[in-house]
Amino acid sequence: MEKGILIGYEIRDGRMYFELATKNGKHIPHHELLSVVTGALGMVIRMSGEKGHKTEGEIFRDVMNHLTNEFVNPDSFKDLEIKR
């Protein structure tokens, strides 16, 4: 693929830290990044549902609850750093 996103993560102190980068070091517009990450999340939900761990509806509900909790918690994004 010509374009690509690299996702790095680390778990420290009970929190998960992410790093998003591009293969070529170029900036990705936020709307394009959101579209790619949302599409990937949909694929993972579908894959998990097909493996039979939970239904896709249950997994989707878990994801929505997690996102809701992240945005309600004022500490969730206090260390957000955007490099351009």
Protein backbone atom coordinates (compact mmCIF):
# COMPACT_ATOMS: atom_id res chain seq x y z
CA MET A 1 0.00 0.00 0.00
CA GLU A 2 1.16 3.45 -0.83
CA LYS A 3 -0.09 5.04 2.40
CA GLY A 4 0.11 3.55 5.85
CA ILE A 5 -0.33 4.27 9.52
CA LEU A 6 1.91 2.77 12.17
CA ILE A 7 0.29 2.26 15.56
CA GLY A 8 2.55 1.80 18.53
CA TYR A 9 1.34 1.21 22.06
CA GLU A 10 2.64 0.64 25.53
CA ILE A 11 0.90 -0.19 28.80
CA ARG A 12 2.25 1.70 31.82
CA ASP A 13 0.68 2.35 35.21
CA GLY A 14 -2.54 0.65 34.14
CA ARG A 15 -2.95 3.01 31.16
CA MET A 16 -2.43 2.39 27.48
CA TYR A 17 -0.32 4.89 25.57
CA PHE A 18 -0.60 5.12 21.77
CA GLU A 19 1.62 6.58 19.14
CA LEU A 20 0.28 7.10 15.62
CA ALA A 21 2.75 7.77 12.82
CA THR A 22 2.94 7.43 9.06
CA LYS A 23 5.24 5.16 7.11
CA ASN A 24 6.71 8.11 5.24
CA GLY A 25 6.69 10.66 8.08
CA LYS A 26 4.17 12.91 6.34
CA HIS A 27 1.21 14.57 8.04
CA ILE A 28 -2.21 12.92 7.67
CA PRO A 29 -5.24 15.24 7.80
CA HIS A 30 -7.38 14.53 10.87
CA HIS A 31 -10.47 13.64 8.81
CA GLU A 32 -8.48 11.06 6.83
CA LEU A 33 -6.90 9.61 9.98
CA LEU A 34 -10.33 9.35 11.62
CA SER A 35 -11.73 7.58 8.57
CA VAL A 36 -8.89 5.04 8.48
CA VAL A 37 -8.97 4.31 12.23
CA THR A 38 -12.78 4.01 12.24
CA GLY A 39 -12.66 1.60 9.30
CA ALA A 40 -10.00 -0.48 11.04
CA LEU A 41 -12.07 -0.57 14.23
CA GLY A 42 -15.06 -1.83 12.25
CA MET A 43 -12.91 -4.59 10.76
CA VAL A 44 -11.66 -5.67 14.20
CA ILE A 45 -15.22 -5.75 15.57
CA ARG A 46 -16.30 -7.91 12.63
CA MET A 47 -13.28 -10.22 13.03
CA SER A 48 -13.87 -10.61 16.77
CA GLY A 49 -17.54 -11.38 16.20
CA GLU A 50 -16.69 -14.04 13.62
CA LYS A 51 -14.31 -15.71 16.08
CA GLY A 52 -17.29 -16.18 18.41
CA HIS A 53 -15.93 -14.45 21.50
CA LYS A 54 -18.99 -12.21 21.69
CA THR A 55 -21.57 -11.05 19.21
CA GLU A 56 -20.69 -8.05 17.08
CA GLY A 57 -23.40 -6.09 18.89
CA GLU A 58 -21.85 -6.86 22.29
CA ILE A 59 -18.39 -5.89 21.07
CA PHE A 60 -19.71 -2.67 19.53
CA ARG A 61 -21.50 -1.81 22.79
CA ASP A 62 -18.27 -2.44 24.75
CA VAL A 63 -16.37 -0.14 22.36
CA MET A 64 -19.00 2.61 22.67
CA ASN A 65 -18.98 2.33 26.48
CA HIS A 66 -15.18 2.54 26.48
CA LEU A 67 -15.21 5.65 24.26
CA THR A 68 -17.90 7.24 26.43
CA ASN A 69 -15.85 6.60 29.57
CA GLU A 70 -12.71 8.03 27.92
CA PHE A 71 -14.44 11.29 27.00
CA VAL A 72 -16.16 11.64 30.38
CA ASN A 73 -12.89 11.10 32.29
CA PRO A 74 -11.04 14.46 32.41
CA ASP A 75 -7.67 12.70 32.81
CA SER A 76 -7.98 10.57 29.66
CA PHE A 77 -6.43 13.04 27.25
CA LYS A 78 -4.54 15.40 29.55
CA ASP A 79 -1.22 14.18 28.16
CA LEU A 80 -2.29 14.26 24.50
CA GLU A 81 0.53 15.54 22.33
CA ILE A 82 0.12 16.30 18.64
CA LYS A 83 3.31 16.58 16.61
CA ARG A 84 3.09 18.07 13.13
